[in-house]
C-alpha atoms as a PDB file:
ATOM      1  CA  MET A   1      96.268 211.694 134.776  1.00  0.00           C
ATOM      2  CA  GLY A   2      93.204 213.888 134.872  1.00  0.00           C
ATOM      3  CA  SER A   3      91.783 213.419 138.388  1.00  0.00           C
ATOM      4  CA  ARG A   4      93.143 212.797 141.846  1.00  0.00           C
ATOM      5  CA  ALA A   5      91.558 211.234 144.943  1.00  0.00           C
ATOM      6  CA  SER A   6      93.233 210.877 148.315  1.00  0.00           C
ATOM      7  CA  GLY A   7      92.460 209.380 151.686  1.00  0.00           C
ATOM      8  CA  SER A   8      93.382 206.461 153.875  1.00  0.00           C
ATOM      9  CA  PHE A   9      92.631 202.801 154.327  1.00  0.00           C
ATOM     10  CA  GLU A  10      92.710 200.211 157.071  1.00  0.00           C
ATOM     11  CA  LEU A  11      93.344 196.504 156.851  1.00  0.00           C
ATOM     12  CA  THR A  12      90.338 194.728 158.352  1.00  0.00           C
ATOM     13  CA  ALA A  13      91.606 191.187 157.737  1.00  0.00           C
ATOM     14  CA  PHE A  14      95.004 189.612 157.065  1.00  0.00           C
ATOM     15  CA  GLU A  15      94.565 185.854 156.668  1.00  0.00           C
ATOM     16  CA  PRO A  16      97.537 183.675 155.748  1.00  0.00           C
ATOM     17  CA  VAL A  17      96.258 180.910 153.472  1.00  0.00           C
ATOM     18  CA  GLU A  18      99.448 178.993 152.801  1.00  0.00           C
ATOM     19  CA  THR A  19     103.154 179.212 153.604  1.00  0.00           C
ATOM     20  CA  GLU A  20     106.008 177.172 152.233  1.00  0.00           C
ATOM     21  CA  GLU A  21     109.620 177.188 153.385  1.00  0.00           C
ATOM     22  CA  LEU A  22     112.144 176.467 150.642  1.00  0.00           C
ATOM     23  CA  GLU A  23     115.915 176.750 150.748  1.00  0.00           C
ATOM     24  CA  GLY A  24     116.702 180.461 151.107  1.00  0.00           C
ATOM     25  CA  ALA A  25     113.097 181.665 150.748  1.00  0.00           C
ATOM     26  CA  ALA A  26     109.709 181.626 152.431  1.00  0.00           C
ATOM     27  CA  PHE A  27     106.671 181.778 150.145  1.00  0.00           C
ATOM     28  CA  GLY A  28     103.262 182.906 151.317  1.00  0.00           C
ATOM     29  CA  ARG A  29      99.736 183.319 150.042  1.00  0.00           C
ATOM     30  CA  VAL A  30      97.481 185.753 151.921  1.00  0.00           C
ATOM     31  CA  ARG A  31      93.918 187.110 151.741  1.00  0.00           C
ATOM     32  CA  ILE A  32      93.549 190.729 152.852  1.00  0.00           C
ATOM     33  CA  ALA A  33      90.455 192.896 153.320  1.00  0.00           C
ATOM     34  CA  LYS A  34      90.562 196.716 153.390  1.00  0.00           C
ATOM     35  CA  VAL A  35      88.249 199.645 154.005  1.00  0.00           C
ATOM     36  CA  PHE A  36      89.010 202.848 152.050  1.00  0.00           C
ATOM     37  CA  THR A  37      87.930 206.331 153.182  1.00  0.00           C
ATOM     38  CA  GLY A  38      88.334 209.674 151.455  1.00  0.00           C
ATOM     39  CA  GLY A  39      87.992 210.298 147.738  1.00  0.00           C
ATOM     40  CA  LEU A  40      87.785 206.535 147.302  1.00  0.00           C
ATOM     41  CA  SER A  41      85.367 204.991 149.788  1.00  0.00           C
ATOM     42  CA  GLY A  42      84.594 201.317 149.812  1.00  0.00           C
ATOM     43  CA  THR A  43      86.231 197.945 150.258  1.00  0.00           C
ATOM     44  CA  GLY A  44      89.149 196.043 148.769  1.00  0.00           C
ATOM     45  CA  GLU A  45      89.589 192.257 148.599  1.00  0.00           C
ATOM     46  CA  VAL A  46      93.249 191.335 147.994  1.00  0.00           C
ATOM     47  CA  ARG A  47      94.907 188.069 146.964  1.00  0.00           C
ATOM     48  CA  MET A  48      98.670 188.301 147.537  1.00  0.00           C
ATOM     49  CA  LEU A  49     101.664 186.054 146.829  1.00  0.00           C
ATOM     50  CA  SER A  50     104.901 186.958 148.614  1.00  0.00           C
ATOM     51  CA  VAL A  51     108.455 185.790 149.142  1.00  0.00           C
ATOM     52  CA  ALA A  52     110.884 186.662 151.945  1.00  0.00           C
ATOM     53  CA  GLY A  53     114.558 185.868 152.213  1.00  0.00           C
ATOM     54  CA  PRO A  54     116.393 184.348 155.159  1.00  0.00           C
ATOM     55  CA  SER A  55     116.198 186.142 158.513  1.00  0.00           C
ATOM     56  CA  ASP A  56     112.948 187.833 157.511  1.00  0.00           C
ATOM     57  CA  GLY A  57     114.807 189.898 154.916  1.00  0.00           C
ATOM     58  CA  PRO A  58     112.918 192.224 152.598  1.00  0.00           C
ATOM     59  CA  ALA A  59     109.881 190.667 150.949  1.00  0.00           C
ATOM     60  CA  SER A  60     108.665 191.013 147.400  1.00  0.00           C
ATOM     61  CA  TYR A  61     105.048 190.496 146.448  1.00  0.00           C
ATOM     62  CA  VAL A  62     102.466 190.528 143.683  1.00  0.00           C
ATOM     63  CA  ALA A  63      98.769 190.932 144.316  1.00  0.00           C
ATOM     64  CA  VAL A  64      95.422 191.648 142.718  1.00  0.00           C
ATOM     65  CA  GLU A  65      92.752 193.637 144.543  1.00  0.00           C
ATOM     66  CA  HIS A  66      89.067 193.949 143.684  1.00  0.00           C
ATOM     67  CA  VAL A  67      87.835 197.376 144.822  1.00  0.00           C
ATOM     68  CA  THR A  68      84.125 198.116 145.189  1.00  0.00           C
ATOM     69  CA  GLY A  69      82.733 201.476 146.213  1.00  0.00           C
ATOM     70  CA  GLU A  70      82.573 205.096 145.211  1.00  0.00           C
ATOM     71  CA  LEU A  71      85.320 207.199 143.645  1.00  0.00           C
ATOM     72  CA  ASP A  72      84.621 210.941 143.704  1.00  0.00           C
ATOM     73  CA  GLY A  73      80.881 210.300 143.348  1.00  0.00           C
ATOM     74  CA  HIS A  74      81.148 207.476 140.766  1.00  0.00           C
ATOM     75  CA  LYS A  75      79.927 204.066 141.983  1.00  0.00           C
ATOM     76  CA  GLY A  76      81.337 200.801 140.697  1.00  0.00           C
ATOM     77  CA  SER A  77      84.339 198.533 140.898  1.00  0.00           C
ATOM     78  CA  PHE A  78      87.756 197.873 139.381  1.00  0.00           C
ATOM     79  CA  VAL A  79      90.915 195.851 140.007  1.00  0.00           C
ATOM     80  CA  PHE A  80      94.348 197.007 141.170  1.00  0.00           C
ATOM     81  CA  GLN A  81      97.534 195.092 140.381  1.00  0.00           C
ATOM     82  CA  HIS A  82     100.276 195.435 143.032  1.00  0.00           C
ATOM     83  CA  THR A  83     103.975 194.719 142.563  1.00  0.00           C
ATOM     84  CA  ALA A  84     106.755 195.362 145.061  1.00  0.00           C
ATOM     85  CA  TRP A  85     110.437 194.552 145.023  1.00  0.00           C
ATOM     86  CA  ASP A  86     112.120 194.505 148.459  1.00  0.00           C
ATOM     87  CA  THR A  87     112.329 197.999 149.910  1.00  0.00           C
ATOM     88  CA  THR A  88     112.504 199.973 146.650  1.00  0.00           C
ATOM     89  CA  GLY A  89     108.801 200.727 146.547  1.00  0.00           C
ATOM     90  CA  THR A  90     105.444 199.522 145.426  1.00  0.00           C
ATOM     91  CA  THR A  91     103.636 200.003 142.142  1.00  0.00           C
ATOM     92  CA  ILE A  92      99.842 199.774 142.212  1.00  0.00           C
ATOM     93  CA  ARG A  93      97.948 200.273 138.944  1.00  0.00           C
ATOM     94  CA  VAL A  94      94.365 199.902 137.801  1.00  0.00           C
ATOM     95  CA  VAL A  95      94.122 196.865 135.514  1.00  0.00           C
ATOM     96  CA  PRO A  96      92.793 198.168 132.173  1.00  0.00           C
ATOM     97  CA  GLY A  97      89.344 196.900 131.261  1.00  0.00           C
ATOM     98  CA  THR A  98      88.318 195.930 134.821  1.00  0.00           C
ATOM     99  CA  GLY A  99      86.164 198.976 135.591  1.00  0.00           C
ATOM    100  CA  ALA A 100      82.446 198.321 136.065  1.00  0.00           C
ATOM    101  CA  GLY A 101      79.390 200.481 136.709  1.00  0.00           C
ATOM    102  CA  GLU A 102      80.156 204.197 136.687  1.00  0.00           C
ATOM    103  CA  LEU A 103      83.884 203.323 136.858  1.00  0.00           C
ATOM    104  CA  ALA A 104      83.931 201.574 133.466  1.00  0.00           C
ATOM    105  CA  GLY A 105      86.991 202.649 131.478  1.00  0.00           C
ATOM    106  CA  ILE A 106      89.013 203.723 134.534  1.00  0.00           C
ATOM    107  CA  THR A 107      92.811 203.837 134.280  1.00  0.00           C
ATOM    108  CA  GLY A 108      95.265 205.051 136.866  1.00  0.00           C
ATOM    109  CA  GLU A 109      97.903 204.517 139.500  1.00  0.00           C
ATOM    110  CA  LEU A 110      97.709 204.535 143.294  1.00  0.00           C
ATOM    111  CA  HIS A 111     100.566 205.966 145.369  1.00  0.00           C
ATOM    112  CA  LEU A 112     100.786 204.491 148.848  1.00  0.00           C
ATOM    113  CA  THR A 113     102.406 205.899 151.988  1.00  0.00           C
ATOM    114  CA  VAL A 114     102.801 204.114 155.322  1.00  0.00           C
ATOM    115  CA  ASP A 115     103.872 206.306 158.234  1.00  0.00           C
ATOM    116  CA  GLU A 116     105.871 205.307 161.319  1.00  0.00           C
ATOM    117  CA  SER A 117     102.708 204.321 163.201  1.00  0.00           C
ATOM    118  CA  GLY A 118     101.645 202.012 160.361  1.00  0.00           C
ATOM    119  CA  ALA A 119      98.827 204.259 159.094  1.00  0.00           C
ATOM    120  CA  HIS A 120      98.198 203.885 155.334  1.00  0.00           C
ATOM    121  CA  THR A 121      97.354 206.849 153.110  1.00  0.00           C
ATOM    122  CA  TYR A 122      96.926 206.948 149.332  1.00  0.00           C
ATOM    123  CA  VAL A 123      96.722 209.249 146.355  1.00  0.00           C
ATOM    124  CA  LEU A 124      94.958 207.765 143.328  1.00  0.00           C
ATOM    125  CA  GLU A 125      95.639 209.537 140.042  1.00  0.00           C
ATOM    126  CA  TYR A 126      93.051 208.359 137.516  1.00  0.00           C
ATOM    127  CA  GLU A 127      91.044 208.993 134.373  1.00  0.00           C
ATOM    128  CA  LEU A 128      87.574 207.778 133.500  1.00  0.00           C
ATOM    129  CA  GLY A 129      87.191 206.942 129.833  1.00  0.00           C
END
C-alpha cells in the first residue's frame, strides 16, 4: 500500500439490537458507533452480526462500517468490511468501490490493536486511486 495513517478510536455506542440463543451458540446483532482520531478523523457506524459458543467462548463476527470524515487531509467516506474468527485475529478491509468525495477509489486494510486497558489503536494502509 502507498500511504499509512494511524491513530485511535473510541466506541461511543454499543447497542444490542437482537440476540438469539440456539443449541450450542448465541447469535447477536449489534449497532456500534465510533469516533476516530489521528490520521483518520471522523465517525464510524457499524452493523455487526456475531456468534459465541457455550460458556461465552470465543466469538466470531462479520460487520460493515460506514466511515465518514477526513483521511490525511482528504474528506469523504468509505465502507470497511470486518471479519473475525475466534481469537486468531481480525481482518478489516476497505470495500472496493465504496469511496466517496475525496476518498473515491480508496483501497486498503486497517490493522487493529486493543491493549490491556481496552484502548483501541489502528494503522490504516491505503491507496487513493
